[in-house]
Amino acid sequence: MSDSLDVQIIPAVLPKNLEELEMALASLRGVAPVIQIDLVGENILANETAMPLWESFDFEFDIMLPDPAAHIEKCVALGASRIVVHADGKNAKEALESMQHLRGGSCAVEAGIALRAHDEPSALAPFEGLFDYVQVMGIDTIGVQGEPPDPHHKELELLKALRVLYPTLPLQCDGAVGAHPREVAEAGATRLVIGSGITKAEDPLEAFERLEKTLRYEN
């Protein structure tokens, strides 16, 4: 394997309200082109007509709300370039099915399906043909940031298994990735979703660049 890994780093924000979202995005301007917005508890964007700083980013929405299918249309209206639905969530298949007409064309929206680290690759069977990429969760408690990695590194095992089954499919890992980014990439992830390791850093750009250097084997 080459010393340098071709991996995209995606900062993730977990805002409790619109003000937190605006502050987080302002701190990430110029850091990365794609930002993941975690929607947990309630959709703080339900009444919004445009994303803050929409001209500065492409947005990926990770929907961890009770009924993801009910929020797809809003995420699309806000300019989503990617949307993640969790396989164990309510109406997950319905949510992905509602996105199928959006997956092609010049303004395509990528459909992602998220698995937990302890899931088997077979958990994707009900969703075959409906997704463009897979997100593997590196922590058991979703919807929080700053959690320690799984001591058994189940997410690495799942990534390796998925890479064998899907040699060219984009795979991303979310949750405690900043603790061992290179190991996650070498397991097969092509995108690393990193929350507090970047967004809570005193200098988010420096933290982002440090992660890039880690992936290039630079000090």
N, C-alpha and C. Protein backbone atom coordinates (compact mmCIF):
# COMPACT_ATOMS: atom_id res chain seq x y z
N MET A 1 0.84 -1.19 0.00
CA MET A 1 0.00 0.00 0.00
C MET A 1 0.87 1.24 0.00
N SER A 2 0.43 2.26 -0.76
CA SER A 2 1.17 3.51 -0.81
C SER A 2 1.20 4.17 0.56
N ASP A 3 2.30 4.88 0.81
CA ASP A 3 2.41 5.61 2.07
C ASP A 3 1.30 6.63 2.23
N SER A 4 0.88 7.24 1.12
CA SER A 4 -0.15 8.26 1.15
C SER A 4 -1.49 7.64 0.79
N LEU A 5 -2.51 7.89 1.61
CA LEU A 5 -3.82 7.31 1.40
C LEU A 5 -4.76 8.38 0.83
N ASP A 6 -5.48 8.02 -0.23
CA ASP A 6 -6.40 8.95 -0.88
C ASP A 6 -7.73 8.90 -0.14
N VAL A 7 -7.85 9.74 0.87
CA VAL A 7 -9.00 9.72 1.77
C VAL A 7 -9.53 11.14 1.96
N GLN A 8 -10.84 11.27 1.94
CA GLN A 8 -11.46 12.57 2.19
C GLN A 8 -11.80 12.69 3.67
N ILE A 9 -11.44 13.81 4.27
CA ILE A 9 -11.79 14.09 5.66
C ILE A 9 -13.00 15.01 5.68
N ILE A 10 -14.03 14.61 6.40
CA ILE A 10 -15.28 15.37 6.46
C ILE A 10 -15.54 15.79 7.90
N PRO A 11 -15.42 17.07 8.22
CA PRO A 11 -15.79 17.52 9.57
C PRO A 11 -17.29 17.35 9.79
N ALA A 12 -17.66 16.97 11.01
CA ALA A 12 -19.06 16.78 11.36
C ALA A 12 -19.45 17.72 12.50
N VAL A 13 -20.63 18.30 12.37
CA VAL A 13 -21.14 19.18 13.43
C VAL A 13 -22.45 18.61 13.96
N LEU A 14 -22.64 18.76 15.25
CA LEU A 14 -23.82 18.25 15.95
C LEU A 14 -24.48 19.41 16.69
N PRO A 15 -25.17 20.28 15.96
CA PRO A 15 -25.71 21.50 16.57
C PRO A 15 -27.04 21.26 17.30
N LYS A 16 -27.18 21.93 18.44
CA LYS A 16 -28.44 21.85 19.19
C LYS A 16 -29.45 22.87 18.69
N ASN A 17 -28.96 23.90 18.03
CA ASN A 17 -29.85 24.95 17.52
C ASN A 17 -29.17 25.64 16.34
N LEU A 18 -29.90 26.54 15.71
CA LEU A 18 -29.39 27.20 14.52
C LEU A 18 -28.17 28.06 14.83
N GLU A 19 -28.16 28.69 15.98
CA GLU A 19 -27.02 29.53 16.35
C GLU A 19 -25.74 28.71 16.44
N GLU A 20 -25.83 27.53 17.07
CA GLU A 20 -24.66 26.65 17.16
C GLU A 20 -24.19 26.22 15.77
N LEU A 21 -25.15 25.95 14.90
CA LEU A 21 -24.80 25.55 13.54
C LEU A 21 -24.05 26.67 12.82
N GLU A 22 -24.57 27.88 12.93
CA GLU A 22 -23.94 29.02 12.26
C GLU A 22 -22.52 29.24 12.77
N MET A 23 -22.33 29.13 14.08
CA MET A 23 -21.00 29.32 14.66
C MET A 23 -20.03 28.23 14.20
N ALA A 24 -20.52 26.99 14.18
CA ALA A 24 -19.67 25.87 13.77
C ALA A 24 -19.25 26.02 12.31
N LEU A 25 -20.20 26.37 11.46
CA LEU A 25 -19.88 26.51 10.04
C LEU A 25 -18.92 27.67 9.80
N ALA A 26 -19.10 28.75 10.54
CA ALA A 26 -18.19 29.89 10.40
C ALA A 26 -16.76 29.49 10.75
N SER A 27 -16.60 28.64 11.76
CA SER A 27 -15.26 28.21 12.18
C SER A 27 -14.63 27.24 11.19
N LEU A 28 -15.46 26.64 10.33
CA LEU A 28 -14.97 25.63 9.38
C LEU A 28 -14.81 26.18 7.96
N ARG A 29 -15.16 27.42 7.77
CA ARG A 29 -15.01 28.01 6.44
C ARG A 29 -13.54 28.00 6.04
N GLY A 30 -13.27 27.46 4.88
CA GLY A 30 -11.89 27.37 4.41
C GLY A 30 -11.15 26.14 4.90
N VAL A 31 -11.80 25.33 5.73
CA VAL A 31 -11.16 24.12 6.26
C VAL A 31 -11.40 22.92 5.34
N ALA A 32 -12.66 22.69 4.99
CA ALA A 32 -13.02 21.53 4.17
C ALA A 32 -14.21 21.88 3.29
N PRO A 33 -14.31 21.27 2.12
CA PRO A 33 -15.42 21.60 1.22
C PRO A 33 -16.73 20.91 1.56
N VAL A 34 -16.66 19.79 2.28
CA VAL A 34 -17.87 19.03 2.63
C VAL A 34 -17.98 18.96 4.15
N ILE A 35 -19.18 19.24 4.65
CA ILE A 35 -19.46 19.19 6.08
C ILE A 35 -20.64 18.26 6.31
N GLN A 36 -20.52 17.39 7.31
CA GLN A 36 -21.66 16.55 7.70
C GLN A 36 -22.42 17.23 8.83
N ILE A 37 -23.73 17.33 8.65
CA ILE A 37 -24.62 17.89 9.67
C ILE A 37 -25.37 16.73 10.31
N ASP A 38 -25.17 16.51 11.60
CA ASP A 38 -25.87 15.45 12.32
C ASP A 38 -27.20 15.98 12.83
N LEU A 39 -28.28 15.34 12.42
CA LEU A 39 -29.61 15.72 12.87
C LEU A 39 -30.07 14.70 13.90
N VAL A 40 -30.14 15.14 15.15
CA VAL A 40 -30.44 14.25 16.28
C VAL A 40 -31.50 14.91 17.16
N GLY A 41 -32.45 14.11 17.65
CA GLY A 41 -33.43 14.63 18.59
C GLY A 41 -34.58 15.34 17.92
N GLU A 42 -34.28 16.46 17.26
CA GLU A 42 -35.28 17.18 16.48
C GLU A 42 -34.58 17.83 15.30
N ASN A 43 -35.34 18.09 14.26
CA ASN A 43 -34.77 18.71 13.07
C ASN A 43 -34.75 20.22 13.27
N ILE A 44 -33.58 20.75 13.64
CA ILE A 44 -33.47 22.18 13.90
C ILE A 44 -33.59 23.00 12.61
N LEU A 45 -33.59 22.31 11.48
CA LEU A 45 -33.68 23.00 10.19
C LEU A 45 -35.08 22.93 9.59
N ALA A 46 -36.03 22.42 10.35
CA ALA A 46 -37.37 22.17 9.81
C ALA A 46 -38.03 23.42 9.24
N ASN A 47 -37.75 24.57 9.83
CA ASN A 47 -38.40 25.81 9.39
C ASN A 47 -37.49 26.71 8.56
N GLU A 48 -36.32 26.19 8.22
CA GLU A 48 -35.36 27.00 7.45
C GLU A 48 -35.59 26.82 5.95
N THR A 49 -35.26 27.85 5.20
CA THR A 49 -35.39 27.79 3.74
C THR A 49 -34.03 27.75 3.04
N ALA A 50 -32.96 27.98 3.80
CA ALA A 50 -31.62 27.92 3.22
C ALA A 50 -30.62 27.61 4.33
N MET A 51 -29.53 26.97 3.97
CA MET A 51 -28.48 26.67 4.93
C MET A 51 -27.60 27.89 5.16
N PRO A 52 -27.15 28.09 6.40
CA PRO A 52 -26.15 29.13 6.64
C PRO A 52 -24.88 28.84 5.84
N LEU A 53 -24.29 29.87 5.28
CA LEU A 53 -23.03 29.74 4.52
C LEU A 53 -23.13 28.68 3.42
N TRP A 54 -24.29 28.60 2.81
CA TRP A 54 -24.51 27.56 1.79
C TRP A 54 -23.53 27.67 0.63
N GLU A 55 -23.02 28.89 0.39
CA GLU A 55 -22.12 29.06 -0.74
C GLU A 55 -20.71 28.54 -0.46
N SER A 56 -20.42 28.21 0.81
CA SER A 56 -19.07 27.80 1.20
C SER A 56 -18.87 26.30 1.28
N PHE A 57 -19.97 25.54 1.31
CA PHE A 57 -19.85 24.10 1.58
C PHE A 57 -20.80 23.28 0.71
N ASP A 58 -20.45 22.00 0.56
CA ASP A 58 -21.42 20.97 0.20
C ASP A 58 -21.83 20.31 1.51
N PHE A 59 -23.12 20.00 1.64
CA PHE A 59 -23.63 19.48 2.91
C PHE A 59 -24.06 18.02 2.78
N GLU A 60 -23.63 17.25 3.77
CA GLU A 60 -24.10 15.88 3.95
C GLU A 60 -24.93 15.87 5.23
N PHE A 61 -26.14 15.35 5.15
CA PHE A 61 -27.00 15.27 6.32
C PHE A 61 -27.05 13.82 6.81
N ASP A 62 -26.70 13.62 8.08
CA ASP A 62 -26.78 12.31 8.72
C ASP A 62 -28.04 12.32 9.58
N ILE A 63 -29.08 11.66 9.09
CA ILE A 63 -30.39 11.74 9.74
C ILE A 63 -30.51 10.66 10.81
N MET A 64 -30.48 11.10 12.07
CA MET A 64 -30.66 10.21 13.22
C MET A 64 -31.92 10.60 13.97
N LEU A 65 -32.97 10.87 13.21
CA LEU A 65 -34.27 11.26 13.75
C LEU A 65 -35.21 10.06 13.69
N PRO A 66 -36.29 10.08 14.48
CA PRO A 66 -37.16 8.90 14.58
C PRO A 66 -37.71 8.39 13.26
N ASP A 67 -38.04 9.28 12.32
CA ASP A 67 -38.60 8.85 11.04
C ASP A 67 -37.84 9.55 9.92
N PRO A 68 -36.71 8.98 9.48
CA PRO A 68 -35.87 9.68 8.50
C PRO A 68 -36.59 10.02 7.20
N ALA A 69 -37.53 9.16 6.79
CA ALA A 69 -38.23 9.40 5.53
C ALA A 69 -38.96 10.74 5.54
N ALA A 70 -39.38 11.17 6.72
CA ALA A 70 -40.13 12.42 6.83
C ALA A 70 -39.25 13.65 6.66
N HIS A 71 -37.93 13.46 6.65
CA HIS A 71 -37.01 14.61 6.60
C HIS A 71 -36.18 14.67 5.32
N ILE A 72 -36.34 13.69 4.46
CA ILE A 72 -35.56 13.68 3.21
C ILE A 72 -35.85 14.91 2.37
N GLU A 73 -37.13 15.21 2.18
CA GLU A 73 -37.51 16.33 1.32
C GLU A 73 -36.91 17.65 1.80
N LYS A 74 -36.93 17.87 3.11
CA LYS A 74 -36.37 19.11 3.66
C LYS A 74 -34.86 19.16 3.42
N CYS A 75 -34.17 18.07 3.65
CA CYS A 75 -32.72 18.05 3.43
C CYS A 75 -32.38 18.34 1.97
N VAL A 76 -33.15 17.79 1.07
CA VAL A 76 -32.93 18.05 -0.35
C VAL A 76 -33.18 19.52 -0.67
N ALA A 77 -34.26 20.07 -0.12
CA ALA A 77 -34.59 21.48 -0.37
C ALA A 77 -33.50 22.41 0.14
N LEU A 78 -32.78 21.98 1.18
CA LEU A 78 -31.71 22.79 1.75
C LEU A 78 -30.38 22.60 1.02
N GLY A 79 -30.41 21.79 -0.03
CA GLY A 79 -29.22 21.67 -0.86
C GLY A 79 -28.30 20.52 -0.54
N ALA A 80 -28.83 19.46 0.06
CA ALA A 80 -27.99 18.31 0.40
C ALA A 80 -27.30 17.74 -0.83
N SER A 81 -26.02 17.41 -0.68
CA SER A 81 -25.32 16.67 -1.74
C SER A 81 -25.24 15.19 -1.39
N ARG A 82 -25.36 14.88 -0.09
CA ARG A 82 -25.38 13.51 0.38
C ARG A 82 -26.33 13.43 1.57
N ILE A 83 -27.00 12.29 1.70
CA ILE A 83 -27.89 12.05 2.85
C ILE A 83 -27.63 10.64 3.36
N VAL A 84 -27.42 10.52 4.67
CA VAL A 84 -27.19 9.22 5.32
C VAL A 84 -28.43 8.81 6.10
N VAL A 85 -28.87 7.59 5.89
CA VAL A 85 -29.97 6.99 6.63
C VAL A 85 -29.42 5.77 7.36
N HIS A 86 -29.85 5.55 8.60
CA HIS A 86 -29.33 4.44 9.39
C HIS A 86 -30.18 3.19 9.18
N ALA A 87 -29.50 2.08 8.91
CA ALA A 87 -30.18 0.84 8.54
C ALA A 87 -31.14 0.36 9.61
N ASP A 88 -30.82 0.64 10.89
CA ASP A 88 -31.68 0.15 11.97
C ASP A 88 -32.74 1.18 12.36
N GLY A 89 -32.86 2.25 11.60
CA GLY A 89 -33.85 3.28 11.90
C GLY A 89 -35.21 2.94 11.32
N LYS A 90 -36.22 3.61 11.80
CA LYS A 90 -37.58 3.41 11.32
C LYS A 90 -37.69 3.84 9.85
N ASN A 91 -38.34 3.00 9.05
CA ASN A 91 -38.60 3.33 7.65
C ASN A 91 -37.34 3.68 6.86
N ALA A 92 -36.23 3.03 7.20
CA ALA A 92 -34.98 3.34 6.51
C ALA A 92 -35.08 3.03 5.01
N LYS A 93 -35.68 1.91 4.67
CA LYS A 93 -35.80 1.56 3.26
C LYS A 93 -36.69 2.55 2.53
N GLU A 94 -37.77 2.94 3.18
CA GLU A 94 -38.67 3.94 2.58
C GLU A 94 -37.93 5.25 2.32
N ALA A 95 -37.08 5.64 3.27
CA ALA A 95 -36.32 6.88 3.11
C ALA A 95 -35.39 6.79 1.90
N LEU A 96 -34.69 5.67 1.75
CA LEU A 96 -33.81 5.51 0.60
C LEU A 96 -34.59 5.45 -0.70
N GLU A 97 -35.72 4.76 -0.68
CA GLU A 97 -36.54 4.67 -1.89
C GLU A 97 -37.00 6.04 -2.35
N SER A 98 -37.26 6.93 -1.40
CA SER A 98 -37.73 8.27 -1.75
C SER A 98 -36.64 9.12 -2.39
N MET A 99 -35.40 8.64 -2.32
CA MET A 99 -34.27 9.39 -2.88
C MET A 99 -33.84 8.90 -4.26
N GLN A 100 -34.43 7.83 -4.73
CA GLN A 100 -33.91 7.20 -5.95
C GLN A 100 -33.93 8.11 -7.17
N HIS A 101 -34.93 8.95 -7.30
CA HIS A 101 -35.01 9.84 -8.46
C HIS A 101 -33.99 10.97 -8.40
N LEU A 102 -33.30 11.09 -7.25
CA LEU A 102 -32.34 12.17 -7.06
C LEU A 102 -30.90 11.72 -7.30
N ARG A 103 -30.68 10.44 -7.51
CA ARG A 103 -29.32 9.90 -7.52
C ARG A 103 -28.55 10.15 -8.81
N GLY A 104 -29.22 10.55 -9.87
CA GLY A 104 -28.53 10.81 -11.13
C GLY A 104 -28.65 12.27 -11.53
N GLY A 105 -27.95 12.63 -12.59
CA GLY A 105 -28.05 13.99 -13.11
C GLY A 105 -26.98 14.92 -12.57
N SER A 106 -27.04 16.15 -13.04
CA SER A 106 -26.01 17.14 -12.69
C SER A 106 -26.11 17.61 -11.25
N CYS A 107 -27.27 17.50 -10.64
CA CYS A 107 -27.46 17.92 -9.24
C CYS A 107 -27.80 16.72 -8.37
N ALA A 108 -27.11 15.62 -8.60
CA ALA A 108 -27.43 14.38 -7.91
C ALA A 108 -27.20 14.48 -6.41
N VAL A 109 -28.01 13.75 -5.67
CA VAL A 109 -27.85 13.59 -4.22
C VAL A 109 -27.45 12.15 -3.96
N GLU A 110 -26.31 11.95 -3.32
CA GLU A 110 -25.86 10.59 -3.00
C GLU A 110 -26.63 10.05 -1.81
N ALA A 111 -27.03 8.79 -1.91
CA ALA A 111 -27.75 8.12 -0.83
C ALA A 111 -26.80 7.21 -0.06
N GLY A 112 -26.70 7.44 1.24
CA GLY A 112 -25.83 6.63 2.08
C GLY A 112 -26.62 5.81 3.09
N ILE A 113 -26.13 4.64 3.41
CA ILE A 113 -26.74 3.79 4.43
C ILE A 113 -25.71 3.54 5.52
N ALA A 114 -26.12 3.72 6.77
CA ALA A 114 -25.19 3.57 7.90
C ALA A 114 -25.42 2.26 8.63
N LEU A 115 -24.32 1.59 8.95
CA LEU A 115 -24.34 0.37 9.75
C LEU A 115 -23.62 0.61 11.06
N ARG A 116 -24.03 -0.12 12.08
CA ARG A 116 -23.29 -0.09 13.34
C ARG A 116 -22.09 -1.04 13.24
N ALA A 117 -21.10 -0.80 14.08
CA ALA A 117 -19.85 -1.56 13.99
C ALA A 117 -20.07 -3.06 14.17
N HIS A 118 -21.07 -3.45 14.96
CA HIS A 118 -21.29 -4.88 15.22
C HIS A 118 -22.18 -5.54 14.18
N ASP A 119 -22.67 -4.77 13.20
CA ASP A 119 -23.50 -5.35 12.15
C ASP A 119 -22.67 -6.25 11.24
N GLU A 120 -23.35 -7.14 10.58
CA GLU A 120 -22.74 -7.96 9.53
C GLU A 120 -22.99 -7.30 8.17
N PRO A 121 -22.14 -7.55 7.20
CA PRO A 121 -22.40 -7.00 5.86
C PRO A 121 -23.77 -7.38 5.32
N SER A 122 -24.30 -8.51 5.77
CA SER A 122 -25.61 -8.95 5.30
C SER A 122 -26.73 -7.99 5.69
N ALA A 123 -26.46 -7.09 6.63
CA ALA A 123 -27.46 -6.09 7.02
C ALA A 123 -27.80 -5.17 5.86
N LEU A 124 -26.95 -5.15 4.83
CA LEU A 124 -27.21 -4.31 3.66
C LEU A 124 -28.19 -4.95 2.68
N ALA A 125 -28.45 -6.23 2.84
CA ALA A 125 -29.26 -6.97 1.86
C ALA A 125 -30.60 -6.30 1.54
N PRO A 126 -31.36 -5.82 2.54
CA PRO A 126 -32.66 -5.21 2.21
C PRO A 126 -32.55 -3.92 1.42
N PHE A 127 -31.34 -3.34 1.37
CA PHE A 127 -31.16 -2.03 0.76
C PHE A 127 -30.35 -2.08 -0.54
N GLU A 128 -30.03 -3.27 -1.00
CA GLU A 128 -29.19 -3.40 -2.20
C GLU A 128 -29.81 -2.63 -3.38
N GLY A 129 -28.96 -1.90 -4.06
CA GLY A 129 -29.40 -1.12 -5.21
C GLY A 129 -29.94 0.25 -4.88
N LEU A 130 -30.05 0.55 -3.58
CA LEU A 130 -30.66 1.81 -3.16
C LEU A 130 -29.65 2.82 -2.62
N PHE A 131 -28.38 2.43 -2.50
CA PHE A 131 -27.41 3.34 -1.87
C PHE A 131 -26.17 3.52 -2.75
N ASP A 132 -25.51 4.66 -2.53
CA ASP A 132 -24.29 4.99 -3.25
C ASP A 132 -23.04 4.78 -2.41
N TYR A 133 -23.21 4.73 -1.10
CA TYR A 133 -22.07 4.53 -0.21
C TYR A 133 -22.56 4.02 1.13
N VAL A 134 -21.61 3.51 1.92
CA VAL A 134 -21.93 2.96 3.25
C VAL A 134 -21.13 3.72 4.30
N GLN A 135 -21.81 4.07 5.38
CA GLN A 135 -21.15 4.68 6.53
C GLN A 135 -21.13 3.67 7.68
N VAL A 136 -19.95 3.41 8.20
CA VAL A 136 -19.80 2.51 9.34
C VAL A 136 -19.59 3.35 10.60
N MET A 137 -20.39 3.07 11.62
CA MET A 137 -20.29 3.82 12.87
C MET A 137 -19.19 3.21 13.74
N GLY A 138 -18.31 4.07 14.24
CA GLY A 138 -17.20 3.60 15.06
C GLY A 138 -17.48 3.61 16.54
N ILE A 139 -18.69 4.05 16.92
CA ILE A 139 -19.09 4.10 18.33
C ILE A 139 -20.47 3.48 18.47
N ASP A 140 -20.77 3.00 19.67
CA ASP A 140 -22.07 2.38 19.90
C ASP A 140 -23.18 3.41 20.11
N THR A 141 -22.86 4.50 20.80
CA THR A 141 -23.86 5.52 21.10
C THR A 141 -23.83 6.57 20.01
N ILE A 142 -24.81 6.54 19.12
CA ILE A 142 -24.81 7.49 18.03
C ILE A 142 -25.47 8.79 18.47
N GLY A 143 -25.15 9.86 17.76
CA GLY A 143 -25.73 11.16 18.09
C GLY A 143 -24.97 11.91 19.15
N VAL A 144 -23.75 11.48 19.46
CA VAL A 144 -22.90 12.19 20.42
C VAL A 144 -21.51 12.30 19.82
N GLN A 145 -20.72 13.23 20.34
CA GLN A 145 -19.35 13.38 19.89
C GLN A 145 -18.40 13.24 21.06
N GLY A 146 -17.16 12.88 20.76
CA GLY A 146 -16.15 12.74 21.81
C GLY A 146 -16.14 11.39 22.48
N GLU A 147 -16.87 10.42 21.92
CA GLU A 147 -16.91 9.07 22.49
C GLU A 147 -15.59 8.34 22.19
N PRO A 148 -15.14 7.46 23.10
CA PRO A 148 -13.94 6.67 22.82
C PRO A 148 -14.23 5.61 21.77
N PRO A 149 -13.21 5.15 21.06
CA PRO A 149 -13.43 4.10 20.06
C PRO A 149 -13.77 2.77 20.72
N ASP A 150 -14.41 1.91 19.96
CA ASP A 150 -14.70 0.56 20.42
C ASP A 150 -13.39 -0.16 20.71
N PRO A 151 -13.19 -0.68 21.93
CA PRO A 151 -11.92 -1.32 22.27
C PRO A 151 -11.61 -2.54 21.40
N HIS A 152 -12.65 -3.13 20.84
CA HIS A 152 -12.45 -4.31 19.99
C HIS A 152 -12.32 -3.94 18.50
N HIS A 153 -12.49 -2.67 18.20
CA HIS A 153 -12.36 -2.16 16.83
C HIS A 153 -13.19 -2.96 15.83
N LYS A 154 -14.42 -3.19 16.20
CA LYS A 154 -15.33 -3.91 15.32
C LYS A 154 -15.53 -3.18 13.99
N GLU A 155 -15.44 -1.83 14.05
CA GLU A 155 -15.65 -1.06 12.82
C GLU A 155 -14.59 -1.38 11.77
N LEU A 156 -13.37 -1.70 12.24
CA LEU A 156 -12.31 -2.04 11.29
C LEU A 156 -12.60 -3.37 10.61
N GLU A 157 -13.10 -4.32 11.38
CA GLU A 157 -13.45 -5.62 10.81
C GLU A 157 -14.55 -5.48 9.77
N LEU A 158 -15.55 -4.65 10.09
CA LEU A 158 -16.66 -4.46 9.16
C LEU A 158 -16.19 -3.75 7.89
N LEU A 159 -15.36 -2.74 8.05
CA LEU A 159 -14.84 -2.03 6.88
C LEU A 159 -14.06 -2.98 5.96
N LYS A 160 -13.23 -3.82 6.55
CA LYS A 160 -12.45 -4.77 5.74
C LYS A 160 -13.37 -5.74 4.99
N ALA A 161 -14.41 -6.21 5.67
CA ALA A 161 -15.34 -7.14 5.04
C ALA A 161 -16.11 -6.46 3.91
N LEU A 162 -16.53 -5.23 4.14
CA LEU A 162 -17.26 -4.49 3.11
C LEU A 162 -16.37 -4.18 1.91
N ARG A 163 -15.10 -3.89 2.16
CA ARG A 163 -14.21 -3.57 1.05
C ARG A 163 -14.00 -4.77 0.14
N VAL A 164 -14.01 -5.97 0.72
CA VAL A 164 -13.90 -7.18 -0.09
C VAL A 164 -15.15 -7.35 -0.95
N LEU A 165 -16.31 -7.10 -0.35
CA LEU A 165 -17.57 -7.29 -1.06
C LEU A 165 -17.85 -6.19 -2.07
N TYR A 166 -17.39 -4.99 -1.75
CA TYR A 166 -17.66 -3.81 -2.60
C TYR A 166 -16.33 -3.11 -2.89
N PRO A 167 -15.55 -3.62 -3.83
CA PRO A 167 -14.18 -3.10 -4.04
C PRO A 167 -14.11 -1.63 -4.41
N THR A 168 -15.14 -1.10 -5.08
CA THR A 168 -15.07 0.29 -5.55
C THR A 168 -16.06 1.22 -4.86
N LEU A 169 -16.84 0.71 -3.94
CA LEU A 169 -17.87 1.52 -3.28
C LEU A 169 -17.24 2.48 -2.28
N PRO A 170 -17.65 3.75 -2.27
CA PRO A 170 -17.18 4.65 -1.20
C PRO A 170 -17.63 4.14 0.17
N LEU A 171 -16.69 4.04 1.08
CA LEU A 171 -16.98 3.64 2.46
C LEU A 171 -16.49 4.76 3.37
N GLN A 172 -17.33 5.16 4.31
CA GLN A 172 -16.89 6.17 5.26
C GLN A 172 -17.12 5.68 6.68
N CYS A 173 -16.32 6.19 7.60
CA CYS A 173 -16.42 5.80 9.00
C CYS A 173 -16.67 7.04 9.82
N ASP A 174 -17.57 6.92 10.79
CA ASP A 174 -17.99 8.06 11.61
C ASP A 174 -18.01 7.62 13.07
N GLY A 175 -17.27 8.35 13.91
CA GLY A 175 -17.29 8.06 15.34
C GLY A 175 -15.95 7.60 15.86
N ALA A 176 -15.29 8.45 16.64
CA ALA A 176 -13.98 8.14 17.24
C ALA A 176 -12.91 7.87 16.19
N VAL A 177 -13.10 8.38 15.00
CA VAL A 177 -12.15 8.14 13.91
C VAL A 177 -10.83 8.87 14.16
N GLY A 178 -10.90 10.03 14.78
CA GLY A 178 -9.70 10.83 15.00
C GLY A 178 -8.66 10.15 15.86
N ALA A 179 -9.07 9.13 16.63
CA ALA A 179 -8.13 8.43 17.50
C ALA A 179 -7.20 7.51 16.72
N HIS A 180 -7.63 7.06 15.55
CA HIS A 180 -6.81 6.14 14.74
C HIS A 180 -7.18 6.27 13.26
N PRO A 181 -7.00 7.45 12.69
CA PRO A 181 -7.45 7.68 11.31
C PRO A 181 -6.78 6.79 10.28
N ARG A 182 -5.48 6.55 10.45
CA ARG A 182 -4.79 5.77 9.44
C ARG A 182 -5.27 4.32 9.44
N GLU A 183 -5.50 3.77 10.62
CA GLU A 183 -5.99 2.38 10.69
C GLU A 183 -7.36 2.26 10.02
N VAL A 184 -8.20 3.27 10.21
CA VAL A 184 -9.53 3.25 9.59
C VAL A 184 -9.41 3.31 8.07
N ALA A 185 -8.53 4.16 7.58
CA ALA A 185 -8.33 4.26 6.14
C ALA A 185 -7.75 2.97 5.56
N GLU A 186 -6.80 2.39 6.25
CA GLU A 186 -6.18 1.15 5.76
C GLU A 186 -7.16 -0.02 5.79
N ALA A 187 -8.19 0.08 6.63
CA ALA A 187 -9.22 -0.97 6.68
C ALA A 187 -10.17 -0.88 5.49
N GLY A 188 -10.13 0.25 4.77
CA GLY A 188 -10.97 0.36 3.58
C GLY A 188 -11.78 1.62 3.46
N ALA A 189 -11.77 2.48 4.47
CA ALA A 189 -12.55 3.71 4.40
C ALA A 189 -11.92 4.70 3.44
N THR A 190 -12.75 5.31 2.61
CA THR A 190 -12.28 6.35 1.69
C THR A 190 -12.70 7.74 2.16
N ARG A 191 -13.53 7.79 3.20
CA ARG A 191 -13.93 9.05 3.81
C ARG A 191 -13.92 8.89 5.32
N LEU A 192 -13.36 9.86 6.01
CA LEU A 192 -13.32 9.85 7.46
C LEU A 192 -14.16 11.02 7.97
N VAL A 193 -15.20 10.70 8.73
CA VAL A 193 -16.06 11.73 9.31
C VAL A 193 -15.59 11.99 10.73
N ILE A 194 -15.15 13.20 10.99
CA ILE A 194 -14.53 13.52 12.28
C ILE A 194 -15.21 14.74 12.89
N GLY A 195 -15.73 14.57 14.10
CA GLY A 195 -16.46 15.64 14.76
C GLY A 195 -15.61 16.50 15.65
N SER A 196 -15.64 16.19 16.95
CA SER A 196 -14.99 17.05 17.94
C SER A 196 -13.49 17.18 17.73
N GLY A 197 -12.87 16.18 17.12
CA GLY A 197 -11.43 16.26 16.86
C GLY A 197 -11.05 17.45 15.99
N ILE A 198 -12.01 17.92 15.20
CA ILE A 198 -11.80 19.11 14.37
C ILE A 198 -12.59 20.29 14.90
N THR A 199 -13.89 20.08 15.10
CA THR A 199 -14.77 21.21 15.40
C THR A 199 -14.54 21.80 16.78
N LYS A 200 -14.04 21.00 17.73
CA LYS A 200 -13.79 21.51 19.08
C LYS A 200 -12.33 21.93 19.27
N ALA A 201 -11.54 21.77 18.24
CA ALA A 201 -10.13 22.15 18.34
C ALA A 201 -10.00 23.67 18.41
N GLU A 202 -8.95 24.12 19.07
CA GLU A 202 -8.70 25.56 19.16
C GLU A 202 -8.51 26.15 17.77
N ASP A 203 -7.88 25.38 16.90
CA ASP A 203 -7.67 25.80 15.51
C ASP A 203 -8.13 24.66 14.60
N PRO A 204 -9.39 24.70 14.11
CA PRO A 204 -9.91 23.61 13.29
C PRO A 204 -9.08 23.33 12.04
N LEU A 205 -8.56 24.38 11.41
CA LEU A 205 -7.75 24.17 10.21
C LEU A 205 -6.47 23.42 10.53
N GLU A 206 -5.82 23.78 11.63
CA GLU A 206 -4.60 23.08 12.04
C GLU A 206 -4.91 21.61 12.34
N ALA A 207 -6.03 21.36 13.03
CA ALA A 207 -6.42 19.98 13.35
C ALA A 207 -6.68 19.19 12.08
N PHE A 208 -7.35 19.81 11.12
CA PHE A 208 -7.64 19.17 9.84
C PHE A 208 -6.35 18.82 9.11
N GLU A 209 -5.44 19.78 9.05
CA GLU A 209 -4.18 19.56 8.34
C GLU A 209 -3.31 18.52 9.04
N ARG A 210 -3.39 18.46 10.36
CA ARG A 210 -2.64 17.45 11.10
C ARG A 210 -3.14 16.04 10.75
N LEU A 211 -4.45 15.91 10.60
CA LEU A 211 -5.02 14.62 10.21
C LEU A 211 -4.58 14.25 8.79
N GLU A 212 -4.56 15.23 7.91
CA GLU A 212 -4.08 14.96 6.55
C GLU A 212 -2.64 14.47 6.56
N LYS A 213 -1.81 15.08 7.39
CA LYS A 213 -0.41 14.66 7.48
C LYS A 213 -0.29 13.24 8.02
N THR A 214 -1.15 12.90 8.97
CA THR A 214 -1.15 11.54 9.50
C THR A 214 -1.43 10.53 8.39
N LEU A 215 -2.35 10.88 7.51
CA LEU A 215 -2.69 9.99 6.40
C LEU A 215 -1.59 9.93 5.35
N ARG A 216 -0.69 10.91 5.39
CA ARG A 216 0.43 10.92 4.44
C ARG A 216 1.73 10.45 5.09
N TYR A 217 1.63 9.99 6.34
CA TYR A 217 2.82 9.56 7.09
C TYR A 217 3.80 10.70 7.31
N GLU A 218 3.27 11.91 7.49
CA GLU A 218 4.13 13.05 7.79
C GLU A 218 4.02 13.39 9.25
N ASN A 219 5.07 13.97 9.84
CA ASN A 219 5.05 14.40 11.23
C ASN A 219 4.50 15.81 11.35
